[in-house]
PDB file of all heavy atoms in Angstrom:
ATOM      1  N   HIS A   1     132.140 128.831 -65.742  1.00  0.00           N
ATOM      2  CA  HIS A   1     131.483 129.880 -65.080  1.00  0.00           C
ATOM      3  C   HIS A   1     131.620 129.875 -63.606  1.00  0.00           C
ATOM      4  O   HIS A   1     131.592 128.815 -62.904  1.00  0.00           O
ATOM      5  CB  HIS A   1     129.986 129.843 -65.428  1.00  0.00           C
ATOM      6  CG  HIS A   1     129.166 130.846 -64.683  1.00  0.00           C
ATOM      7  ND1 HIS A   1     129.544 132.267 -64.579  1.00  0.00           N
ATOM      8  CD2 HIS A   1     127.994 130.721 -64.031  1.00  0.00           C
ATOM      9  CE1 HIS A   1     128.593 132.875 -63.928  1.00  0.00           C
ATOM     10  NE2 HIS A   1     127.651 131.978 -63.470  1.00  0.00           N
ATOM     11  N   LYS A   2     131.869 130.982 -63.033  1.00  0.00           N
ATOM     12  CA  LYS A   2     132.192 131.244 -61.557  1.00  0.00           C
ATOM     13  C   LYS A   2     131.159 130.560 -60.718  1.00  0.00           C
ATOM     14  O   LYS A   2     129.988 130.896 -60.741  1.00  0.00           O
ATOM     15  CB  LYS A   2     132.310 132.711 -61.288  1.00  0.00           C
ATOM     16  CG  LYS A   2     132.623 133.040 -59.768  1.00  0.00           C
ATOM     17  CD  LYS A   2     132.778 134.454 -59.754  1.00  0.00           C
ATOM     18  CE  LYS A   2     133.175 134.816 -58.200  1.00  0.00           C
ATOM     19  NZ  LYS A   2     133.310 136.297 -58.047  1.00  0.00           N
ATOM     20  N   PRO A   3     131.526 129.673 -59.816  1.00  0.00           N
ATOM     21  CA  PRO A   3     130.553 129.072 -58.807  1.00  0.00           C
ATOM     22  C   PRO A   3     130.475 129.950 -57.574  1.00  0.00           C
ATOM     23  O   PRO A   3     131.246 130.920 -57.508  1.00  0.00           O
ATOM     24  CB  PRO A   3     131.189 127.700 -58.461  1.00  0.00           C
ATOM     25  CG  PRO A   3     132.673 127.994 -58.451  1.00  0.00           C
ATOM     26  CD  PRO A   3     132.835 129.076 -59.646  1.00  0.00           C
ATOM     27  N   ILE A   4     129.557 129.594 -56.619  1.00  0.00           N
ATOM     28  CA  ILE A   4     129.446 130.362 -55.451  1.00  0.00           C
ATOM     29  C   ILE A   4     130.466 130.036 -54.334  1.00  0.00           C
ATOM     30  O   ILE A   4     131.007 130.836 -53.628  1.00  0.00           O
ATOM     31  CB  ILE A   4     127.968 130.229 -54.873  1.00  0.00           C
ATOM     32  CG1 ILE A   4     126.947 130.564 -55.879  1.00  0.00           C
ATOM     33  CG2 ILE A   4     127.806 131.034 -53.603  1.00  0.00           C
ATOM     34  CD1 ILE A   4     125.560 130.246 -55.538  1.00  0.00           C
ATOM     35  N   ILE A   5     130.759 128.694 -54.218  1.00  0.00           N
ATOM     36  CA  ILE A   5     131.556 128.179 -53.205  1.00  0.00           C
ATOM     37  C   ILE A   5     132.927 127.767 -53.927  1.00  0.00           C
ATOM     38  O   ILE A   5     133.001 126.998 -54.793  1.00  0.00           O
ATOM     39  CB  ILE A   5     131.030 126.986 -52.516  1.00  0.00           C
ATOM     40  CG1 ILE A   5     129.611 127.415 -51.933  1.00  0.00           C
ATOM     41  CG2 ILE A   5     131.889 126.409 -51.453  1.00  0.00           C
ATOM     42  CD1 ILE A   5     128.845 126.187 -51.293  1.00  0.00           C
ATOM     43  N   PRO A   6     134.084 128.345 -53.396  1.00  0.00           N
ATOM     44  CA  PRO A   6     135.354 128.142 -54.035  1.00  0.00           C
ATOM     45  C   PRO A   6     135.750 126.690 -54.238  1.00  0.00           C
ATOM     46  O   PRO A   6     136.252 126.318 -55.330  1.00  0.00           O
ATOM     47  CB  PRO A   6     136.344 128.826 -53.101  1.00  0.00           C
ATOM     48  CG  PRO A   6     135.528 129.892 -52.364  1.00  0.00           C
ATOM     49  CD  PRO A   6     134.182 129.265 -52.193  1.00  0.00           C
ATOM     50  N   GLN A   7     135.596 125.752 -53.208  1.00  0.00           N
ATOM     51  CA  GLN A   7     136.073 124.457 -53.354  1.00  0.00           C
ATOM     52  C   GLN A   7     135.271 123.681 -54.495  1.00  0.00           C
ATOM     53  O   GLN A   7     135.766 122.716 -55.116  1.00  0.00           O
ATOM     54  CB  GLN A   7     135.831 123.642 -52.110  1.00  0.00           C
ATOM     55  CG  GLN A   7     134.473 123.365 -51.534  1.00  0.00           C
ATOM     56  CD  GLN A   7     133.993 124.494 -50.537  1.00  0.00           C
ATOM     57  OE1 GLN A   7     134.491 125.585 -50.554  1.00  0.00           O
ATOM     58  NE2 GLN A   7     133.136 124.115 -49.661  1.00  0.00           N
ATOM     59  N   VAL A   8     134.054 124.157 -54.721  1.00  0.00           N
ATOM     60  CA  VAL A   8     133.280 123.527 -55.864  1.00  0.00           C
ATOM     61  C   VAL A   8     133.811 123.906 -57.266  1.00  0.00           C
ATOM     62  O   VAL A   8     133.924 123.093 -58.127  1.00  0.00           O
ATOM     63  CB  VAL A   8     131.796 123.939 -55.827  1.00  0.00           C
ATOM     64  CG1 VAL A   8     130.998 123.409 -56.974  1.00  0.00           C
ATOM     65  CG2 VAL A   8     131.164 123.509 -54.481  1.00  0.00           C
ATOM     66  N   GLY A   9     134.356 125.192 -57.390  1.00  0.00           N
ATOM     67  CA  GLY A   9     134.917 125.560 -58.556  1.00  0.00           C
ATOM     68  C   GLY A   9     136.281 124.863 -58.806  1.00  0.00           C
ATOM     69  O   GLY A   9     136.570 124.411 -59.896  1.00  0.00           O
ATOM     70  N   LYS A  10     137.008 124.658 -57.782  1.00  0.00           N
ATOM     71  CA  LYS A  10     138.332 123.973 -57.813  1.00  0.00           C
ATOM     72  C   LYS A  10     138.027 122.451 -58.201  1.00  0.00           C
ATOM     73  O   LYS A  10     138.738 121.973 -59.076  1.00  0.00           O
ATOM     74  CB  LYS A  10     139.050 123.951 -56.511  1.00  0.00           C
ATOM     75  CG  LYS A  10     140.325 123.228 -56.420  1.00  0.00           C
ATOM     76  CD  LYS A  10     141.014 123.288 -55.154  1.00  0.00           C
ATOM     77  CE  LYS A  10     142.390 122.577 -55.092  1.00  0.00           C
ATOM     78  NZ  LYS A  10     143.004 122.525 -53.824  1.00  0.00           N
ATOM     79  N   ALA A  11     137.116 121.851 -57.670  1.00  0.00           N
ATOM     80  CA  ALA A  11     136.763 120.438 -57.995  1.00  0.00           C
ATOM     81  C   ALA A  11     136.311 120.389 -59.468  1.00  0.00           C
ATOM     82  O   ALA A  11     136.639 119.426 -60.099  1.00  0.00           O
ATOM     83  CB  ALA A  11     135.717 119.838 -57.025  1.00  0.00           C
ATOM     84  N   THR A  12     135.482 121.329 -59.883  1.00  0.00           N
ATOM     85  CA  THR A  12     135.008 121.347 -61.224  1.00  0.00           C
ATOM     86  C   THR A  12     136.145 121.413 -62.206  1.00  0.00           C
ATOM     87  O   THR A  12     136.255 120.683 -63.242  1.00  0.00           O
ATOM     88  CB  THR A  12     133.973 122.461 -61.467  1.00  0.00           C
ATOM     89  OG1 THR A  12     132.894 122.306 -60.543  1.00  0.00           O
ATOM     90  CG2 THR A  12     133.481 122.485 -62.886  1.00  0.00           C
ATOM     91  N   LEU A  13     137.047 122.396 -61.885  1.00  0.00           N
ATOM     92  CA  LEU A  13     138.311 122.599 -62.724  1.00  0.00           C
ATOM     93  C   LEU A  13     139.049 121.269 -62.904  1.00  0.00           C
ATOM     94  O   LEU A  13     139.418 120.834 -64.033  1.00  0.00           O
ATOM     95  CB  LEU A  13     139.102 123.715 -62.279  1.00  0.00           C
ATOM     96  CG  LEU A  13     140.458 123.904 -62.894  1.00  0.00           C
ATOM     97  CD1 LEU A  13     140.319 124.344 -64.407  1.00  0.00           C
ATOM     98  CD2 LEU A  13     141.217 124.950 -62.212  1.00  0.00           C
ATOM     99  N   GLU A  14     139.312 120.677 -61.737  1.00  0.00           N
ATOM    100  CA  GLU A  14     140.231 119.461 -61.716  1.00  0.00           C
ATOM    101  C   GLU A  14     139.537 118.342 -62.492  1.00  0.00           C
ATOM    102  O   GLU A  14     140.191 117.578 -63.202  1.00  0.00           O
ATOM    103  CB  GLU A  14     140.490 119.106 -60.253  1.00  0.00           C
ATOM    104  CG  GLU A  14     141.462 120.110 -59.507  1.00  0.00           C
ATOM    105  CD  GLU A  14     141.692 119.822 -58.087  1.00  0.00           C
ATOM    106  OE1 GLU A  14     141.059 118.897 -57.549  1.00  0.00           O
ATOM    107  OE2 GLU A  14     142.614 120.443 -57.468  1.00  0.00           O
ATOM    108  N   LEU A  15     138.249 118.168 -62.215  1.00  0.00           N
ATOM    109  CA  LEU A  15     137.558 117.161 -62.803  1.00  0.00           C
ATOM    110  C   LEU A  15     137.564 117.231 -64.421  1.00  0.00           C
ATOM    111  O   LEU A  15     137.758 116.290 -65.142  1.00  0.00           O
ATOM    112  CB  LEU A  15     136.069 117.081 -62.314  1.00  0.00           C
ATOM    113  CG  LEU A  15     135.113 116.127 -62.937  1.00  0.00           C
ATOM    114  CD1 LEU A  15     135.587 114.642 -62.755  1.00  0.00           C
ATOM    115  CD2 LEU A  15     133.626 116.253 -62.363  1.00  0.00           C
ATOM    116  N   LEU A  16     137.244 118.396 -64.914  1.00  0.00           N
ATOM    117  CA  LEU A  16     137.219 118.687 -66.343  1.00  0.00           C
ATOM    118  C   LEU A  16     138.681 118.461 -66.956  1.00  0.00           C
ATOM    119  O   LEU A  16     138.761 117.841 -68.075  1.00  0.00           O
ATOM    120  CB  LEU A  16     136.747 120.025 -66.628  1.00  0.00           C
ATOM    121  CG  LEU A  16     135.260 120.263 -66.359  1.00  0.00           C
ATOM    122  CD1 LEU A  16     134.846 121.715 -66.564  1.00  0.00           C
ATOM    123  CD2 LEU A  16     134.439 119.411 -67.199  1.00  0.00           C
ATOM    124  N   GLU A  17     139.690 118.905 -66.209  1.00  0.00           N
ATOM    125  CA  GLU A  17     141.063 118.653 -66.733  1.00  0.00           C
ATOM    126  C   GLU A  17     141.392 117.100 -66.771  1.00  0.00           C
ATOM    127  O   GLU A  17     142.035 116.733 -67.645  1.00  0.00           O
ATOM    128  CB  GLU A  17     142.031 119.398 -65.911  1.00  0.00           C
ATOM    129  CG  GLU A  17     141.913 120.939 -66.090  1.00  0.00           C
ATOM    130  CD  GLU A  17     142.883 121.727 -65.313  1.00  0.00           C
ATOM    131  OE1 GLU A  17     143.428 121.271 -64.269  1.00  0.00           O
ATOM    132  OE2 GLU A  17     143.270 122.923 -65.709  1.00  0.00           O
ATOM    133  N   LYS A  18     140.867 116.385 -65.772  1.00  0.00           N
ATOM    134  CA  LYS A  18     141.078 114.982 -65.732  1.00  0.00           C
ATOM    135  C   LYS A  18     140.429 114.326 -67.069  1.00  0.00           C
ATOM    136  O   LYS A  18     140.846 113.268 -67.612  1.00  0.00           O
ATOM    137  CB  LYS A  18     140.467 114.310 -64.491  1.00  0.00           C
ATOM    138  CG  LYS A  18     141.216 114.473 -63.316  1.00  0.00           C
ATOM    139  CD  LYS A  18     140.506 113.954 -62.042  1.00  0.00           C
ATOM    140  CE  LYS A  18     141.272 114.210 -60.781  1.00  0.00           C
ATOM    141  NZ  LYS A  18     140.437 113.684 -59.584  1.00  0.00           N
ATOM    142  N   LEU A  19     139.355 114.937 -67.419  1.00  0.00           N
ATOM    143  CA  LEU A  19     138.575 114.409 -68.650  1.00  0.00           C
ATOM    144  C   LEU A  19     139.065 115.013 -69.996  1.00  0.00           C
ATOM    145  O   LEU A  19     138.410 115.031 -70.940  1.00  0.00           O
ATOM    146  CB  LEU A  19     137.064 114.723 -68.466  1.00  0.00           C
ATOM    147  CG  LEU A  19     136.407 113.981 -67.208  1.00  0.00           C
ATOM    148  CD1 LEU A  19     134.990 114.540 -67.049  1.00  0.00           C
ATOM    149  CD2 LEU A  19     136.446 112.508 -67.377  1.00  0.00           C
ATOM    150  N   ASN A  20     140.318 115.630 -69.930  1.00  0.00           N
ATOM    151  CA  ASN A  20     141.002 116.213 -71.061  1.00  0.00           C
ATOM    152  C   ASN A  20     140.280 117.382 -71.652  1.00  0.00           C
ATOM    153  O   ASN A  20     140.344 117.539 -72.950  1.00  0.00           O
ATOM    154  CB  ASN A  20     141.282 115.123 -72.104  1.00  0.00           C
ATOM    155  CG  ASN A  20     142.088 113.946 -71.573  1.00  0.00           C
ATOM    156  OD1 ASN A  20     143.141 114.168 -70.876  1.00  0.00           O
ATOM    157  ND2 ASN A  20     141.728 112.698 -71.690  1.00  0.00           N
ATOM    158  N   VAL A  21     139.560 118.128 -70.897  1.00  0.00           N
ATOM    159  CA  VAL A  21     138.920 119.322 -71.379  1.00  0.00           C
ATOM    160  C   VAL A  21     139.959 120.527 -71.220  1.00  0.00           C
ATOM    161  O   VAL A  21     140.545 120.651 -70.086  1.00  0.00           O
ATOM    162  CB  VAL A  21     137.683 119.722 -70.654  1.00  0.00           C
ATOM    163  CG1 VAL A  21     136.963 120.968 -71.112  1.00  0.00           C
ATOM    164  CG2 VAL A  21     136.644 118.434 -70.863  1.00  0.00           C
ATOM    165  N   ASP A  22     140.156 121.353 -72.183  1.00  0.00           N
ATOM    166  CA  ASP A  22     140.874 122.543 -72.148  1.00  0.00           C
ATOM    167  C   ASP A  22     140.078 123.614 -71.459  1.00  0.00           C
ATOM    168  O   ASP A  22     139.202 124.228 -72.117  1.00  0.00           O
ATOM    169  CB  ASP A  22     141.391 122.881 -73.479  1.00  0.00           C
ATOM    170  CG  ASP A  22     142.341 124.094 -73.485  1.00  0.00           C
ATOM    171  OD1 ASP A  22     142.813 124.460 -72.415  1.00  0.00           O
ATOM    172  OD2 ASP A  22     142.655 124.757 -74.595  1.00  0.00           O
ATOM    173  N   VAL A  23     140.369 123.889 -70.254  1.00  0.00           N
ATOM    174  CA  VAL A  23     139.519 124.848 -69.423  1.00  0.00           C
ATOM    175  C   VAL A  23     140.145 126.238 -69.300  1.00  0.00           C
ATOM    176  O   VAL A  23     141.303 126.374 -69.020  1.00  0.00           O
ATOM    177  CB  VAL A  23     139.231 124.322 -68.019  1.00  0.00           C
ATOM    178  CG1 VAL A  23     138.297 125.251 -67.289  1.00  0.00           C
ATOM    179  CG2 VAL A  23     138.617 122.937 -68.115  1.00  0.00           C
ATOM    180  N   MET A  24     139.289 127.271 -69.556  1.00  0.00           N
ATOM    181  CA  MET A  24     139.754 128.568 -69.368  1.00  0.00           C
ATOM    182  C   MET A  24     138.749 129.285 -68.361  1.00  0.00           C
ATOM    183  O   MET A  24     137.641 128.904 -68.354  1.00  0.00           O
ATOM    184  CB  MET A  24     139.835 129.447 -70.559  1.00  0.00           C
ATOM    185  CG  MET A  24     140.940 128.942 -71.598  1.00  0.00           C
ATOM    186  SD  MET A  24     141.148 129.928 -73.010  1.00  0.00           S
ATOM    187  CE  MET A  24     141.719 131.447 -72.266  1.00  0.00           C
ATOM    188  N   TYR A  25     139.173 130.266 -67.620  1.00  0.00           N
ATOM    189  CA  TYR A  25     138.445 130.948 -66.607  1.00  0.00           C
ATOM    190  C   TYR A  25     138.458 132.472 -66.770  1.00  0.00           C
ATOM    191  O   TYR A  25     139.378 133.101 -66.445  1.00  0.00           O
ATOM    192  CB  TYR A  25     138.855 130.591 -65.178  1.00  0.00           C
ATOM    193  CG  TYR A  25     137.938 131.141 -64.106  1.00  0.00           C
ATOM    194  CD1 TYR A  25     137.075 130.381 -63.520  1.00  0.00           C
ATOM    195  CD2 TYR A  25     138.266 132.397 -63.625  1.00  0.00           C
ATOM    196  CE1 TYR A  25     136.253 130.855 -62.519  1.00  0.00           C
ATOM    197  CE2 TYR A  25     137.462 132.948 -62.551  1.00  0.00           C
ATOM    198  CZ  TYR A  25     136.481 132.189 -62.047  1.00  0.00           C
ATOM    199  OH  TYR A  25     135.644 132.728 -61.031  1.00  0.00           O
ATOM    200  N   PRO A  26     137.479 133.011 -67.519  1.00  0.00           N
ATOM    201  CA  PRO A  26     137.594 134.562 -67.768  1.00  0.00           C
ATOM    202  C   PRO A  26     137.426 135.292 -66.491  1.00  0.00           C
ATOM    203  O   PRO A  26     136.537 135.180 -65.755  1.00  0.00           O
ATOM    204  CB  PRO A  26     136.287 134.673 -68.611  1.00  0.00           C
ATOM    205  CG  PRO A  26     135.875 133.366 -69.195  1.00  0.00           C
ATOM    206  CD  PRO A  26     136.314 132.364 -68.178  1.00  0.00           C
ATOM    207  N   LEU A  27     138.390 136.097 -66.275  1.00  0.00           N
ATOM    208  CA  LEU A  27     138.534 136.835 -65.066  1.00  0.00           C
ATOM    209  C   LEU A  27     137.491 138.019 -64.919  1.00  0.00           C
ATOM    210  O   LEU A  27     137.254 138.597 -63.892  1.00  0.00           O
ATOM    211  CB  LEU A  27     139.949 137.411 -64.867  1.00  0.00           C
ATOM    212  CG  LEU A  27     140.976 136.335 -64.579  1.00  0.00           C
ATOM    213  CD1 LEU A  27     142.368 136.923 -64.404  1.00  0.00           C
ATOM    214  CD2 LEU A  27     140.640 135.490 -63.352  1.00  0.00           C
ATOM    215  N   GLY A  28     136.969 138.377 -66.103  1.00  0.00           N
ATOM    216  CA  GLY A  28     136.045 139.526 -66.183  1.00  0.00           C
ATOM    217  C   GLY A  28     134.569 139.133 -65.866  1.00  0.00           C
ATOM    218  O   GLY A  28     133.692 140.004 -65.791  1.00  0.00           O
ATOM    219  N   GLN A  29     134.314 137.913 -65.618  1.00  0.00           N
ATOM    220  CA  GLN A  29     132.932 137.502 -65.355  1.00  0.00           C
ATOM    221  C   GLN A  29     132.437 137.874 -63.979  1.00  0.00           C
ATOM    222  O   GLN A  29     133.183 138.039 -63.105  1.00  0.00           O
ATOM    223  CB  GLN A  29     132.846 135.870 -65.483  1.00  0.00           C
ATOM    224  CG  GLN A  29     133.600 135.143 -64.397  1.00  0.00           C
ATOM    225  CD  GLN A  29     133.455 133.659 -64.509  1.00  0.00           C
ATOM    226  OE1 GLN A  29     132.354 133.142 -64.342  1.00  0.00           O
ATOM    227  NE2 GLN A  29     134.527 132.901 -64.779  1.00  0.00           N
ATOM    228  N   THR A  30     131.090 138.070 -63.924  1.00  0.00           N
ATOM    229  CA  THR A  30     130.462 138.356 -62.692  1.00  0.00           C
ATOM    230  C   THR A  30     129.254 137.409 -62.569  1.00  0.00           C
ATOM    231  O   THR A  30     129.243 136.456 -63.219  1.00  0.00           O
ATOM    232  CB  THR A  30     129.985 139.845 -62.535  1.00  0.00           C
ATOM    233  OG1 THR A  30     129.075 140.140 -63.691  1.00  0.00           O
ATOM    234  CG2 THR A  30     131.188 140.741 -62.692  1.00  0.00           C
ATOM    235  N   CYS A  31     128.280 137.854 -61.825  1.00  0.00           N
ATOM    236  CA  CYS A  31     126.956 137.038 -61.682  1.00  0.00           C
ATOM    237  C   CYS A  31     126.263 136.979 -63.022  1.00  0.00           C
ATOM    238  O   CYS A  31     126.352 137.900 -63.809  1.00  0.00           O
ATOM    239  CB  CYS A  31     126.107 137.609 -60.638  1.00  0.00           C
ATOM    240  SG  CYS A  31     124.526 136.896 -60.463  1.00  0.00           S
ATOM    241  N   CYS A  32     125.545 135.936 -63.264  1.00  0.00           N
ATOM    242  CA  CYS A  32     124.762 135.791 -64.537  1.00  0.00           C
ATOM    243  C   CYS A  32     123.538 136.642 -64.492  1.00  0.00           C
ATOM    244  O   CYS A  32     122.845 136.791 -65.476  1.00  0.00           O
ATOM    245  CB  CYS A  32     124.317 134.317 -64.717  1.00  0.00           C
ATOM    246  SG  CYS A  32     123.147 133.638 -63.504  1.00  0.00           S
ATOM    247  N   GLY A  33     123.106 137.167 -63.327  1.00  0.00           N
ATOM    248  CA  GLY A  33     121.919 138.027 -63.200  1.00  0.00           C
ATOM    249  C   GLY A  33     120.790 137.357 -62.611  1.00  0.00           C
ATOM    250  O   GLY A  33     119.705 138.037 -62.451  1.00  0.00           O
ATOM    251  N   GLN A  34     120.899 136.094 -62.249  1.00  0.00           N
ATOM    252  CA  GLN A  34     119.617 135.334 -61.769  1.00  0.00           C
ATOM    253  C   GLN A  34     119.120 135.971 -60.459  1.00  0.00           C
ATOM    254  O   GLN A  34     117.887 136.039 -60.377  1.00  0.00           O
ATOM    255  CB  GLN A  34     120.119 133.966 -61.494  1.00  0.00           C
ATOM    256  CG  GLN A  34     118.926 133.134 -60.984  1.00  0.00           C
ATOM    257  CD  GLN A  34     119.273 131.669 -60.593  1.00  0.00           C
ATOM    258  OE1 GLN A  34     118.450 130.956 -60.071  1.00  0.00           O
ATOM    259  NE2 GLN A  34     120.562 131.321 -60.762  1.00  0.00           N
ATOM    260  N   PRO A  35     119.883 136.342 -59.454  1.00  0.00           N
ATOM    261  CA  PRO A  35     119.291 136.918 -58.284  1.00  0.00           C
ATOM    262  C   PRO A  35     118.366 138.130 -58.427  1.00  0.00           C
ATOM    263  O   PRO A  35     117.310 138.119 -57.840  1.00  0.00           O
ATOM    264  CB  PRO A  35     120.475 137.222 -57.381  1.00  0.00           C
ATOM    265  CG  PRO A  35     121.605 136.306 -57.882  1.00  0.00           C
ATOM    266  CD  PRO A  35     121.335 136.261 -59.391  1.00  0.00           C
ATOM    267  N   MET A  36     118.744 138.990 -59.293  1.00  0.00           N
ATOM    268  CA  MET A  36     117.935 140.240 -59.639  1.00  0.00           C
ATOM    269  C   MET A  36     116.613 139.816 -60.253  1.00  0.00           C
ATOM    270  O   MET A  36     115.561 140.198 -59.927  1.00  0.00           O
ATOM    271  CB  MET A  36     118.732 141.140 -60.456  1.00  0.00           C
ATOM    272  CG  MET A  36     119.824 141.945 -59.715  1.00  0.00           C
ATOM    273  SD  MET A  36     120.740 143.029 -60.727  1.00  0.00           S
ATOM    274  CE  MET A  36     121.901 141.880 -61.443  1.00  0.00           C
ATOM    275  N   ALA A  37     116.672 138.855 -61.212  1.00  0.00           N
ATOM    276  CA  ALA A  37     115.555 138.380 -61.928  1.00  0.00           C
ATOM    277  C   ALA A  37     114.668 137.667 -60.968  1.00  0.00           C
ATOM    278  O   ALA A  37     113.360 137.833 -61.054  1.00  0.00           O
ATOM    279  CB  ALA A  37     115.963 137.477 -63.060  1.00  0.00           C
ATOM    280  N   ASN A  38     115.180 136.847 -60.133  1.00  0.00           N
ATOM    281  CA  ASN A  38     114.279 136.101 -59.171  1.00  0.00           C
ATOM    282  C   ASN A  38     113.576 136.936 -58.165  1.00  0.00           C
ATOM    283  O   ASN A  38     112.574 136.599 -57.608  1.00  0.00           O
ATOM    284  CB  ASN A  38     115.173 135.058 -58.436  1.00  0.00           C
ATOM    285  CG  ASN A  38     115.398 133.825 -59.351  1.00  0.00           C
ATOM    286  OD1 ASN A  38     115.043 133.777 -60.408  1.00  0.00           O
ATOM    287  ND2 ASN A  38     116.242 132.925 -58.730  1.00  0.00           N
ATOM    288  N   SER A  39     114.157 138.182 -57.988  1.00  0.00           N
ATOM    289  CA  SER A  39     113.574 139.157 -57.035  1.00  0.00           C
ATOM    290  C   SER A  39     112.595 140.077 -57.607  1.00  0.00           C
ATOM    291  O   SER A  39     112.137 141.017 -56.946  1.00  0.00           O
ATOM    292  CB  SER A  39     114.703 139.903 -56.387  1.00  0.00           C
ATOM    293  OG  SER A  39     115.652 139.028 -55.678  1.00  0.00           O
ATOM    294  N   GLY A  40     112.342 139.877 -58.961  1.00  0.00           N
ATOM    295  CA  GLY A  40     111.389 140.758 -59.584  1.00  0.00           C
ATOM    296  C   GLY A  40     112.003 141.944 -60.277  1.00  0.00           C
ATOM    297  O   GLY A  40     111.308 142.876 -60.707  1.00  0.00           O
ATOM    298  N   TYR A  41     113.388 141.965 -60.445  1.00  0.00           N
ATOM    299  CA  TYR A  41     114.057 143.110 -61.031  1.00  0.00           C
ATOM    300  C   TYR A  41     114.816 142.679 -62.278  1.00  0.00           C
ATOM    301  O   TYR A  41     115.963 143.017 -62.448  1.00  0.00           O
ATOM    302  CB  TYR A  41     115.047 143.777 -60.038  1.00  0.00           C
ATOM    303  CG  TYR A  41     114.256 144.345 -58.892  1.00  0.00           C
ATOM    304  CD1 TYR A  41     114.185 143.612 -57.734  1.00  0.00           C
ATOM    305  CD2 TYR A  41     113.732 145.638 -58.899  1.00  0.00           C
ATOM    306  CE1 TYR A  41     113.542 144.088 -56.533  1.00  0.00           C
ATOM    307  CE2 TYR A  41     113.046 146.126 -57.762  1.00  0.00           C
ATOM    308  CZ  TYR A  41     112.978 145.326 -56.611  1.00  0.00           C
ATOM    309  OH  TYR A  41     112.314 145.817 -55.540  1.00  0.00           O
ATOM    310  N   GLU A  42     114.119 141.845 -63.152  1.00  0.00           N
ATOM    311  CA  GLU A  42     114.841 141.238 -64.278  1.00  0.00           C
ATOM    312  C   GLU A  42     115.509 142.247 -65.156  1.00  0.00           C
ATOM    313  O   GLU A  42     116.599 141.982 -65.530  1.00  0.00           O
ATOM    314  CB  GLU A  42     113.728 140.391 -65.031  1.00  0.00           C
ATOM    315  CG  GLU A  42     114.391 139.568 -66.080  1.00  0.00           C
ATOM    316  CD  GLU A  42     113.340 138.626 -66.718  1.00  0.00           C
ATOM    317  OE1 GLU A  42     112.306 139.172 -67.248  1.00  0.00           O
ATOM    318  OE2 GLU A  42     113.601 137.475 -66.823  1.00  0.00           O
ATOM    319  N   TYR A  43     114.830 143.319 -65.439  1.00  0.00           N
ATOM    320  CA  TYR A  43     115.522 144.331 -66.389  1.00  0.00           C
ATOM    321  C   TYR A  43     116.649 145.009 -65.760  1.00  0.00           C
ATOM    322  O   TYR A  43     117.475 145.736 -66.453  1.00  0.00           O
ATOM    323  CB  TYR A  43     114.422 145.223 -66.955  1.00  0.00           C
ATOM    324  CG  TYR A  43     113.580 144.499 -67.964  1.00  0.00           C
ATOM    325  CD1 TYR A  43     112.372 143.958 -67.555  1.00  0.00           C
ATOM    326  CD2 TYR A  43     114.013 144.388 -69.260  1.00  0.00           C
ATOM    327  CE1 TYR A  43     111.587 143.237 -68.503  1.00  0.00           C
ATOM    328  CE2 TYR A  43     113.214 143.638 -70.253  1.00  0.00           C
ATOM    329  CZ  TYR A  43     112.088 143.071 -69.908  1.00  0.00           C
ATOM    330  OH  TYR A  43     111.281 142.399 -70.791  1.00  0.00           O
ATOM    331  N   GLU A  44     116.750 144.931 -64.502  1.00  0.00           N
ATOM    332  CA  GLU A  44     117.950 145.555 -63.710  1.00  0.00           C
ATOM    333  C   GLU A  44     119.087 144.664 -63.949  1.00  0.00           C
ATOM    334  O   GLU A  44     120.347 145.057 -63.659  1.00  0.00           O
ATOM    335  CB  GLU A  44     117.691 145.665 -62.263  1.00  0.00           C
ATOM    336  CG  GLU A  44     116.519 146.735 -61.908  1.00  0.00           C
ATOM    337  CD  GLU A  44     116.831 148.066 -62.398  1.00  0.00           C
ATOM    338  OE1 GLU A  44     118.002 148.528 -62.387  1.00  0.00           O
ATOM    339  OE2 GLU A  44     115.896 148.756 -62.813  1.00  0.00           O
ATOM    340  N   SER A  45     118.988 143.454 -64.522  1.00  0.00           N
ATOM    341  CA  SER A  45     120.113 142.465 -64.601  1.00  0.00           C
ATOM    342  C   SER A  45     120.706 142.582 -66.107  1.00  0.00           C
ATOM    343  O   SER A  45     121.585 141.785 -66.370  1.00  0.00           O
ATOM    344  CB  SER A  45     119.586 141.020 -64.327  1.00  0.00           C
ATOM    345  OG  SER A  45     118.787 140.610 -65.366  1.00  0.00           O
TER     346      SER A  45
END
């Protein structure tokens, strides 16, 4: 799942691949909706 900071995503990918995990990155993903929910607009998410 897409992280906020690019280098964290890169490190996560490389780490999981070192651990022999077959990783895929869906390009259609966006935010999980948490910011809206935390701001009181849960159903807008």
